[in-house]
Amino acid sequence: MKYIHVLCQAERLWTARRGTFRGMENRQQTIREVVGENVRRIRDEAGARQDDVAMAARGVGLSWTRSKIAALERGEKALDLAEAVLLAEAMGRVSGRPVGVADLLAGDGDVRLSRVRVLHRTSLRRFLDGDPVKVLVGDIPGGPERMREALAKLPAMFKRMELLAGPDADMETIEHAETAVGEAEERAGRTLGVHKMDVVWLSVGLWDRTLSEERDHRVGDDVPLKSRSAKRGRVTRQLVEELRVRLEEVSNVEC
């Protein structure tokens, strides 16, 4: 495997198993909270009222009231892309100077984008300013330390992958299965009391494809639509049981 693939594997497995450093969660904000913080900052610097912001917002086509601005500043209002662009224009009118969308994410700190992805504000501003969205190690809070720890754990992770998928498993098949992981694997993992990646590797070892793909293969295409859901449920339960049996065979081996 190429070195860059090893790095990608380390990042995927570490992210999947650990998520983002829990010790940092108290410093993380959502995008709506960061935008609200900056709208309030720009308004305060301009000596403007929330009514003034609401009026400017209506002037650019947003049907917002003062209470909507208050909710926005508290970080309680979600924004779509069109609203973010118009909000930046409105804040430019309030402040009397140009305001870009990236200015709505000004400041330091980290922003949680999803359950497993947190980025520095500076990185988000870079993307909004036109850089291609390619997340680097330095864009992630604790990224360098996290990667070093992931690389240190990589041999044990590969050992477990080989244990569950089998020594003859094809790496391309494993990588496909890891990227195709979905709700079926999540639910199976909860049922079996293991991580979804264990389900992925077990599935490759048993069927040379994902749990979802094996389920769809066994259900087939000739099942009437009205009974397809019931059959999918029966097949899934059978597949999970097969995974359980295989898991018990290797349960005495630890990473």
C-alpha atoms as a PDB file:
ATOM      1  CA  MET A   1       0.000   0.000   0.000  1.00  0.00           C
ATOM      2  CA  LYS A   2       1.301   3.473  -0.849  1.00  0.00           C
ATOM      3  CA  TYR A   3       2.372   5.632   2.084  1.00  0.00           C
ATOM      4  CA  ILE A   4      -0.336   8.239   1.417  1.00  0.00           C
ATOM      5  CA  HIS A   5      -2.927   5.466   1.554  1.00  0.00           C
ATOM      6  CA  VAL A   6      -1.545   4.435   4.928  1.00  0.00           C
ATOM      7  CA  LEU A   7      -1.963   8.014   6.175  1.00  0.00           C
ATOM      8  CA  CYS A   8      -5.529   8.161   4.844  1.00  0.00           C
ATOM      9  CA  GLN A   9      -6.267   4.828   6.451  1.00  0.00           C
ATOM     10  CA  ALA A  10      -4.928   6.056   9.776  1.00  0.00           C
ATOM     11  CA  GLU A  11      -7.057   9.194   9.647  1.00  0.00           C
ATOM     12  CA  ARG A  12     -10.204   7.292   8.632  1.00  0.00           C
ATOM     13  CA  LEU A  13      -9.830   4.667  11.324  1.00  0.00           C
ATOM     14  CA  TRP A  14      -8.905   7.145  14.051  1.00  0.00           C
ATOM     15  CA  THR A  15     -11.808   9.436  13.152  1.00  0.00           C
ATOM     16  CA  ALA A  16     -14.226   6.523  12.938  1.00  0.00           C
ATOM     17  CA  ARG A  17     -13.211   5.028  16.258  1.00  0.00           C
ATOM     18  CA  ARG A  18     -12.519   8.097  18.366  1.00  0.00           C
ATOM     19  CA  GLY A  19     -14.285  11.053  16.793  1.00  0.00           C
ATOM     20  CA  THR A  20     -12.748  14.403  17.739  1.00  0.00           C
ATOM     21  CA  PHE A  21     -10.851  14.997  20.977  1.00  0.00           C
ATOM     22  CA  ARG A  22     -13.496  15.205  23.666  1.00  0.00           C
ATOM     23  CA  GLY A  23     -11.306  17.470  25.779  1.00  0.00           C
ATOM     24  CA  MET A  24     -11.763  20.189  23.168  1.00  0.00           C
ATOM     25  CA  GLU A  25     -15.554  20.089  22.997  1.00  0.00           C
ATOM     26  CA  ASN A  26     -15.966  22.935  25.485  1.00  0.00           C
ATOM     27  CA  ARG A  27     -14.231  25.265  23.000  1.00  0.00           C
ATOM     28  CA  GLN A  28     -16.180  24.162  19.943  1.00  0.00           C
ATOM     29  CA  GLN A  29     -19.029  26.126  18.447  1.00  0.00           C
ATOM     30  CA  THR A  30     -21.440  25.501  15.624  1.00  0.00           C
ATOM     31  CA  ILE A  31     -21.393  27.671  12.522  1.00  0.00           C
ATOM     32  CA  ARG A  32     -24.609  29.367  13.586  1.00  0.00           C
ATOM     33  CA  GLU A  33     -23.074  30.268  16.952  1.00  0.00           C
ATOM     34  CA  VAL A  34     -19.968  31.721  15.299  1.00  0.00           C
ATOM     35  CA  VAL A  35     -22.063  33.721  12.828  1.00  0.00           C
ATOM     36  CA  GLY A  36     -24.240  35.026  15.659  1.00  0.00           C
ATOM     37  CA  GLU A  37     -21.171  36.052  17.648  1.00  0.00           C
ATOM     38  CA  ASN A  38     -19.784  38.001  14.680  1.00  0.00           C
ATOM     39  CA  VAL A  39     -23.082  39.643  13.766  1.00  0.00           C
ATOM     40  CA  ARG A  40     -23.301  40.923  17.337  1.00  0.00           C
ATOM     41  CA  ARG A  41     -19.662  42.078  17.224  1.00  0.00           C
ATOM     42  CA  ILE A  42     -20.104  43.962  13.936  1.00  0.00           C
ATOM     43  CA  ARG A  43     -23.328  45.528  15.200  1.00  0.00           C
ATOM     44  CA  ASP A  44     -21.738  46.612  18.486  1.00  0.00           C
ATOM     45  CA  GLU A  45     -18.708  48.088  16.718  1.00  0.00           C
ATOM     46  CA  ALA A  46     -21.065  50.115  14.523  1.00  0.00           C
ATOM     47  CA  GLY A  47     -23.143  51.256  17.506  1.00  0.00           C
ATOM     48  CA  ALA A  48     -26.228  49.813  15.800  1.00  0.00           C
ATOM     49  CA  ARG A  49     -29.352  48.203  17.236  1.00  0.00           C
ATOM     50  CA  GLN A  50     -30.876  44.857  16.368  1.00  0.00           C
ATOM     51  CA  ASP A  51     -33.685  46.827  14.718  1.00  0.00           C
ATOM     52  CA  ASP A  52     -31.073  48.418  12.454  1.00  0.00           C
ATOM     53  CA  VAL A  53     -29.774  45.007  11.408  1.00  0.00           C
ATOM     54  CA  ALA A  54     -33.327  43.792  10.763  1.00  0.00           C
ATOM     55  CA  MET A  55     -34.004  46.848   8.603  1.00  0.00           C
ATOM     56  CA  ALA A  56     -30.800  46.298   6.616  1.00  0.00           C
ATOM     57  CA  ALA A  57     -31.692  42.621   6.202  1.00  0.00           C
ATOM     58  CA  ARG A  58     -35.116  43.522   4.823  1.00  0.00           C
ATOM     59  CA  GLY A  59     -33.368  45.938   2.491  1.00  0.00           C
ATOM     60  CA  VAL A  60     -31.492  43.072   0.829  1.00  0.00           C
ATOM     61  CA  GLY A  61     -34.531  40.801   0.634  1.00  0.00           C
ATOM     62  CA  LEU A  62     -34.541  38.955   3.957  1.00  0.00           C
ATOM     63  CA  SER A  63     -37.893  39.127   5.737  1.00  0.00           C
ATOM     64  CA  TRP A  64     -36.322  39.310   9.185  1.00  0.00           C
ATOM     65  CA  THR A  65     -37.575  41.038  12.305  1.00  0.00           C
ATOM     66  CA  ARG A  66     -35.687  42.223  15.365  1.00  0.00           C
ATOM     67  CA  SER A  67     -36.586  38.982  17.166  1.00  0.00           C
ATOM     68  CA  LYS A  68     -35.072  37.019  14.269  1.00  0.00           C
ATOM     69  CA  ILE A  69     -31.841  39.007  14.634  1.00  0.00           C
ATOM     70  CA  ALA A  70     -31.862  38.320  18.379  1.00  0.00           C
ATOM     71  CA  ALA A  71     -32.184  34.595  17.687  1.00  0.00           C
ATOM     72  CA  LEU A  72     -29.412  34.857  15.114  1.00  0.00           C
ATOM     73  CA  GLU A  73     -27.062  36.515  17.612  1.00  0.00           C
ATOM     74  CA  ARG A  74     -27.829  33.819  20.182  1.00  0.00           C
ATOM     75  CA  GLY A  75     -26.751  31.200  17.659  1.00  0.00           C
ATOM     76  CA  GLU A  76     -30.254  29.762  17.385  1.00  0.00           C
ATOM     77  CA  LYS A  77     -30.916  30.466  13.705  1.00  0.00           C
ATOM     78  CA  ALA A  78     -29.603  28.248  10.933  1.00  0.00           C
ATOM     79  CA  LEU A  79     -28.511  29.930   7.714  1.00  0.00           C
ATOM     80  CA  ASP A  80     -28.440  28.610   4.178  1.00  0.00           C
ATOM     81  CA  LEU A  81     -25.834  29.864   1.727  1.00  0.00           C
ATOM     82  CA  ALA A  82     -28.112  32.463   0.137  1.00  0.00           C
ATOM     83  CA  GLU A  83     -28.982  33.912   3.548  1.00  0.00           C
ATOM     84  CA  ALA A  84     -25.305  34.054   4.533  1.00  0.00           C
ATOM     85  CA  VAL A  85     -24.469  36.046   1.395  1.00  0.00           C
ATOM     86  CA  LEU A  86     -27.351  38.468   1.941  1.00  0.00           C
ATOM     87  CA  LEU A  87     -26.528  38.753   5.644  1.00  0.00           C
ATOM     88  CA  ALA A  88     -22.964  39.779   4.789  1.00  0.00           C
ATOM     89  CA  GLU A  89     -24.359  42.471   2.491  1.00  0.00           C
ATOM     90  CA  ALA A  90     -26.733  43.652   5.211  1.00  0.00           C
ATOM     91  CA  MET A  91     -23.943  43.807   7.796  1.00  0.00           C
ATOM     92  CA  GLY A  92     -21.920  45.841   5.320  1.00  0.00           C
ATOM     93  CA  ARG A  93     -24.744  48.376   5.235  1.00  0.00           C
ATOM     94  CA  VAL A  94     -24.936  48.430   9.022  1.00  0.00           C
ATOM     95  CA  SER A  95     -21.182  48.857   9.522  1.00  0.00           C
ATOM     96  CA  GLY A  96     -20.546  51.179   6.606  1.00  0.00           C
ATOM     97  CA  ARG A  97     -17.715  48.998   5.307  1.00  0.00           C
ATOM     98  CA  PRO A  98     -17.543  45.892   3.087  1.00  0.00           C
ATOM     99  CA  VAL A  99     -18.299  42.639   4.912  1.00  0.00           C
ATOM    100  CA  GLY A 100     -17.539  39.282   3.324  1.00  0.00           C
ATOM    101  CA  VAL A 101     -19.135  35.933   4.112  1.00  0.00           C
ATOM    102  CA  ALA A 102     -15.799  34.883   5.616  1.00  0.00           C
ATOM    103  CA  ASP A 103     -16.055  37.852   8.018  1.00  0.00           C
ATOM    104  CA  LEU A 104     -19.075  36.145   9.577  1.00  0.00           C
ATOM    105  CA  LEU A 105     -16.618  33.469  10.776  1.00  0.00           C
ATOM    106  CA  ALA A 106     -13.980  35.867  12.099  1.00  0.00           C
ATOM    107  CA  GLY A 107     -12.034  35.095  15.234  1.00  0.00           C
ATOM    108  CA  ASP A 108     -10.157  32.144  16.649  1.00  0.00           C
ATOM    109  CA  GLY A 109     -11.404  28.814  17.905  1.00  0.00           C
ATOM    110  CA  ASP A 110     -12.853  25.660  16.426  1.00  0.00           C
ATOM    111  CA  VAL A 111     -16.135  24.980  14.657  1.00  0.00           C
ATOM    112  CA  ARG A 112     -17.984  21.672  14.747  1.00  0.00           C
ATOM    113  CA  LEU A 113     -19.336  20.813  11.305  1.00  0.00           C
ATOM    114  CA  SER A 114     -20.555  17.298  12.091  1.00  0.00           C
ATOM    115  CA  ARG A 115     -20.304  14.614  14.730  1.00  0.00           C
ATOM    116  CA  VAL A 116     -16.763  13.725  13.654  1.00  0.00           C
ATOM    117  CA  ARG A 117     -15.476  16.822  11.866  1.00  0.00           C
ATOM    118  CA  VAL A 118     -14.197  19.920  13.641  1.00  0.00           C
ATOM    119  CA  LEU A 119     -12.088  22.550  11.878  1.00  0.00           C
ATOM    120  CA  HIS A 120     -10.294  25.736  12.827  1.00  0.00           C
ATOM    121  CA  ARG A 121     -12.155  28.936  11.969  1.00  0.00           C
ATOM    122  CA  THR A 122      -9.132  30.074   9.983  1.00  0.00           C
ATOM    123  CA  SER A 123      -9.503  27.015   7.756  1.00  0.00           C
ATOM    124  CA  LEU A 124     -13.182  27.703   7.126  1.00  0.00           C
ATOM    125  CA  ARG A 125     -12.387  31.288   6.175  1.00  0.00           C
ATOM    126  CA  ARG A 126      -9.744  30.036   3.769  1.00  0.00           C
ATOM    127  CA  PHE A 127     -12.283  27.804   2.077  1.00  0.00           C
ATOM    128  CA  LEU A 128     -14.830  30.621   1.894  1.00  0.00           C
ATOM    129  CA  ASP A 129     -12.193  32.875   0.366  1.00  0.00           C
ATOM    130  CA  GLY A 130     -11.840  30.491  -2.550  1.00  0.00           C
ATOM    131  CA  ASP A 131      -9.351  27.784  -1.596  1.00  0.00           C
ATOM    132  CA  PRO A 132     -10.394  24.254  -2.640  1.00  0.00           C
ATOM    133  CA  VAL A 133     -11.947  22.389   0.273  1.00  0.00           C
ATOM    134  CA  LYS A 134      -9.157  19.928   0.965  1.00  0.00           C
ATOM    135  CA  VAL A 135      -8.838  19.320   4.684  1.00  0.00           C
ATOM    136  CA  LEU A 136      -5.233  19.057   5.827  1.00  0.00           C
ATOM    137  CA  VAL A 137      -3.920  17.737   9.118  1.00  0.00           C
ATOM    138  CA  GLY A 138      -3.261  21.289  10.303  1.00  0.00           C
ATOM    139  CA  ASP A 139      -6.898  22.273   9.692  1.00  0.00           C
ATOM    140  CA  ILE A 140      -8.084  19.873  12.407  1.00  0.00           C
ATOM    141  CA  PRO A 141      -7.803  20.760  16.114  1.00  0.00           C
ATOM    142  CA  GLY A 142      -4.973  18.664  17.517  1.00  0.00           C
ATOM    143  CA  GLY A 143      -4.438  17.313  14.015  1.00  0.00           C
ATOM    144  CA  PRO A 144      -0.661  16.695  14.104  1.00  0.00           C
ATOM    145  CA  GLU A 145      -0.820  15.012  17.519  1.00  0.00           C
ATOM    146  CA  ARG A 146      -3.885  13.081  16.425  1.00  0.00           C
ATOM    147  CA  MET A 147      -2.153  11.826  13.290  1.00  0.00           C
ATOM    148  CA  ARG A 148       0.951  10.774  15.219  1.00  0.00           C
ATOM    149  CA  GLU A 149      -1.202   8.828  17.658  1.00  0.00           C
ATOM    150  CA  ALA A 150      -3.191   7.309  14.791  1.00  0.00           C
ATOM    151  CA  LEU A 151       0.004   6.208  13.058  1.00  0.00           C
ATOM    152  CA  ALA A 152       1.240   4.679  16.304  1.00  0.00           C
ATOM    153  CA  LYS A 153      -1.995   2.709  16.547  1.00  0.00           C
ATOM    154  CA  LEU A 154      -2.012   1.751  12.878  1.00  0.00           C
ATOM    155  CA  PRO A 155      -0.218  -1.611  13.257  1.00  0.00           C
ATOM    156  CA  ALA A 156      -2.780  -2.739  15.839  1.00  0.00           C
ATOM    157  CA  MET A 157      -5.618  -1.506  13.623  1.00  0.00           C
ATOM    158  CA  PHE A 158      -4.276  -3.395  10.634  1.00  0.00           C
ATOM    159  CA  LYS A 159      -3.860  -6.449  12.825  1.00  0.00           C
ATOM    160  CA  ARG A 160      -7.525  -6.290  13.810  1.00  0.00           C
ATOM    161  CA  MET A 161      -8.567  -5.622  10.218  1.00  0.00           C
ATOM    162  CA  GLU A 162      -6.649  -8.714   9.121  1.00  0.00           C
ATOM    163  CA  LEU A 163      -8.184 -10.717  11.965  1.00  0.00           C
ATOM    164  CA  LEU A 164     -11.764  -9.795  11.064  1.00  0.00           C
ATOM    165  CA  ALA A 165     -11.499  -9.597   7.281  1.00  0.00           C
ATOM    166  CA  GLY A 166      -9.015 -12.438   6.902  1.00  0.00           C
ATOM    167  CA  PRO A 167      -5.409 -12.407   5.666  1.00  0.00           C
ATOM    168  CA  ASP A 168      -6.502 -12.927   2.051  1.00  0.00           C
ATOM    169  CA  ALA A 169      -8.923 -10.000   1.934  1.00  0.00           C
ATOM    170  CA  ASP A 170      -8.427  -7.624  -0.979  1.00  0.00           C
ATOM    171  CA  MET A 171      -7.379  -4.128   0.135  1.00  0.00           C
ATOM    172  CA  GLU A 172      -9.391  -2.460  -2.622  1.00  0.00           C
ATOM    173  CA  THR A 173     -12.511  -4.280  -1.447  1.00  0.00           C
ATOM    174  CA  ILE A 174     -11.850  -3.216   2.139  1.00  0.00           C
ATOM    175  CA  GLU A 175     -11.392   0.426   1.141  1.00  0.00           C
ATOM    176  CA  HIS A 176     -14.615   0.319  -0.875  1.00  0.00           C
ATOM    177  CA  ALA A 177     -16.482  -1.200   2.075  1.00  0.00           C
ATOM    178  CA  GLU A 178     -15.115   1.440   4.460  1.00  0.00           C
ATOM    179  CA  THR A 179     -16.302   4.304   2.257  1.00  0.00           C
ATOM    180  CA  ALA A 180     -19.694   2.647   1.656  1.00  0.00           C
ATOM    181  CA  VAL A 181     -20.513   2.170   5.337  1.00  0.00           C
ATOM    182  CA  GLY A 182     -24.066   3.237   6.148  1.00  0.00           C
ATOM    183  CA  GLU A 183     -27.036   2.820   8.464  1.00  0.00           C
ATOM    184  CA  ALA A 184     -27.112  -0.964   8.126  1.00  0.00           C
ATOM    185  CA  GLU A 185     -23.563  -1.224   9.432  1.00  0.00           C
ATOM    186  CA  GLU A 186     -24.286   1.299  12.208  1.00  0.00           C
ATOM    187  CA  ARG A 187     -27.306  -0.688  13.406  1.00  0.00           C
ATOM    188  CA  ALA A 188     -25.489  -4.016  13.143  1.00  0.00           C
ATOM    189  CA  GLY A 189     -22.634  -2.613  15.200  1.00  0.00           C
ATOM    190  CA  ARG A 190     -25.026  -1.507  17.939  1.00  0.00           C
ATOM    191  CA  THR A 191     -26.692  -4.912  17.930  1.00  0.00           C
ATOM    192  CA  LEU A 192     -23.371  -6.731  18.165  1.00  0.00           C
ATOM    193  CA  GLY A 193     -21.819  -4.272  20.589  1.00  0.00           C
ATOM    194  CA  VAL A 194     -18.911  -3.429  18.270  1.00  0.00           C
ATOM    195  CA  HIS A 195     -17.861  -0.495  16.136  1.00  0.00           C
ATOM    196  CA  LYS A 196     -19.235  -0.200  12.614  1.00  0.00           C
ATOM    197  CA  MET A 197     -15.714  -0.667  11.216  1.00  0.00           C
ATOM    198  CA  ASP A 198     -15.625  -4.116  12.795  1.00  0.00           C
ATOM    199  CA  VAL A 199     -18.860  -4.850  10.927  1.00  0.00           C
ATOM    200  CA  VAL A 200     -17.239  -3.650   7.704  1.00  0.00           C
ATOM    201  CA  TRP A 201     -14.212  -5.897   8.111  1.00  0.00           C
ATOM    202  CA  LEU A 202     -16.268  -8.905   9.194  1.00  0.00           C
ATOM    203  CA  SER A 203     -18.530  -8.430   6.174  1.00  0.00           C
ATOM    204  CA  VAL A 204     -15.608  -8.367   3.778  1.00  0.00           C
ATOM    205  CA  GLY A 205     -14.233 -11.517   5.374  1.00  0.00           C
ATOM    206  CA  LEU A 206     -17.539 -13.356   5.131  1.00  0.00           C
ATOM    207  CA  TRP A 207     -19.010 -12.123   1.859  1.00  0.00           C
ATOM    208  CA  ASP A 208     -16.318 -10.075   0.118  1.00  0.00           C
ATOM    209  CA  ARG A 209     -18.634  -7.039   0.195  1.00  0.00           C
ATOM    210  CA  THR A 210     -20.547  -4.829   2.586  1.00  0.00           C
ATOM    211  CA  LEU A 211     -23.432  -5.921   4.770  1.00  0.00           C
ATOM    212  CA  SER A 212     -25.759  -3.713   2.723  1.00  0.00           C
ATOM    213  CA  GLU A 213     -24.587  -5.207  -0.556  1.00  0.00           C
ATOM    214  CA  GLU A 214     -24.937  -8.769   0.731  1.00  0.00           C
ATOM    215  CA  ARG A 215     -28.429  -7.964   2.040  1.00  0.00           C
ATOM    216  CA  ASP A 216     -29.534  -6.591  -1.330  1.00  0.00           C
ATOM    217  CA  HIS A 217     -27.994  -9.578  -3.123  1.00  0.00           C
ATOM    218  CA  ARG A 218     -29.922 -12.067  -1.004  1.00  0.00           C
ATOM    219  CA  VAL A 219     -33.174 -10.135  -1.194  1.00  0.00           C
ATOM    220  CA  GLY A 220     -32.954 -10.094  -4.986  1.00  0.00           C
ATOM    221  CA  ASP A 221     -34.828  -8.038  -7.536  1.00  0.00           C
ATOM    222  CA  ASP A 222     -37.863 -10.266  -8.023  1.00  0.00           C
ATOM    223  CA  VAL A 223     -39.495  -9.578  -4.649  1.00  0.00           C
ATOM    224  CA  PRO A 224     -42.838  -7.705  -4.827  1.00  0.00           C
ATOM    225  CA  LEU A 225     -42.520  -4.162  -3.537  1.00  0.00           C
ATOM    226  CA  LYS A 226     -45.093  -4.702  -0.771  1.00  0.00           C
ATOM    227  CA  SER A 227     -43.095  -7.563   0.752  1.00  0.00           C
ATOM    228  CA  ARG A 228     -39.577  -6.247   0.056  1.00  0.00           C
ATOM    229  CA  SER A 229     -39.263  -4.402   3.373  1.00  0.00           C
ATOM    230  CA  ALA A 230     -40.213  -7.472   5.398  1.00  0.00           C
ATOM    231  CA  LYS A 231     -37.761  -9.656   3.502  1.00  0.00           C
ATOM    232  CA  ARG A 232     -34.985  -7.098   3.924  1.00  0.00           C
ATOM    233  CA  GLY A 233     -35.594  -7.221   7.671  1.00  0.00           C
ATOM    234  CA  ARG A 234     -35.458 -11.031   7.766  1.00  0.00           C
ATOM    235  CA  VAL A 235     -32.325 -11.152   5.646  1.00  0.00           C
ATOM    236  CA  THR A 236     -30.627  -8.474   7.727  1.00  0.00           C
ATOM    237  CA  ARG A 237     -31.313 -10.372  10.933  1.00  0.00           C
ATOM    238  CA  GLN A 238     -29.837 -13.509   9.394  1.00  0.00           C
ATOM    239  CA  LEU A 239     -26.748 -11.624   8.238  1.00  0.00           C
ATOM    240  CA  VAL A 240     -26.235 -10.084  11.678  1.00  0.00           C
ATOM    241  CA  GLU A 241     -26.442 -13.558  13.175  1.00  0.00           C
ATOM    242  CA  GLU A 242     -23.770 -14.763  10.745  1.00  0.00           C
ATOM    243  CA  LEU A 243     -21.618 -11.813  11.770  1.00  0.00           C
ATOM    244  CA  ARG A 244     -22.178 -12.697  15.426  1.00  0.00           C
ATOM    245  CA  VAL A 245     -21.005 -16.260  14.895  1.00  0.00           C
ATOM    246  CA  ARG A 246     -17.866 -15.071  13.106  1.00  0.00           C
ATOM    247  CA  LEU A 247     -17.215 -12.450  15.776  1.00  0.00           C
ATOM    248  CA  GLU A 248     -17.428 -15.070  18.521  1.00  0.00           C
ATOM    249  CA  GLU A 249     -14.800 -17.106  16.709  1.00  0.00           C
ATOM    250  CA  VAL A 250     -12.295 -14.272  17.016  1.00  0.00           C
ATOM    251  CA  SER A 251     -13.533 -12.625  20.226  1.00  0.00           C
ATOM    252  CA  ASN A 252     -10.628 -13.936  22.271  1.00  0.00           C
ATOM    253  CA  VAL A 253      -8.151 -11.930  20.190  1.00  0.00           C
ATOM    254  CA  GLU A 254      -7.515  -8.346  21.311  1.00  0.00           C
ATOM    255  CA  CYS A 255      -5.925  -5.449  19.405  1.00  0.00           C
END
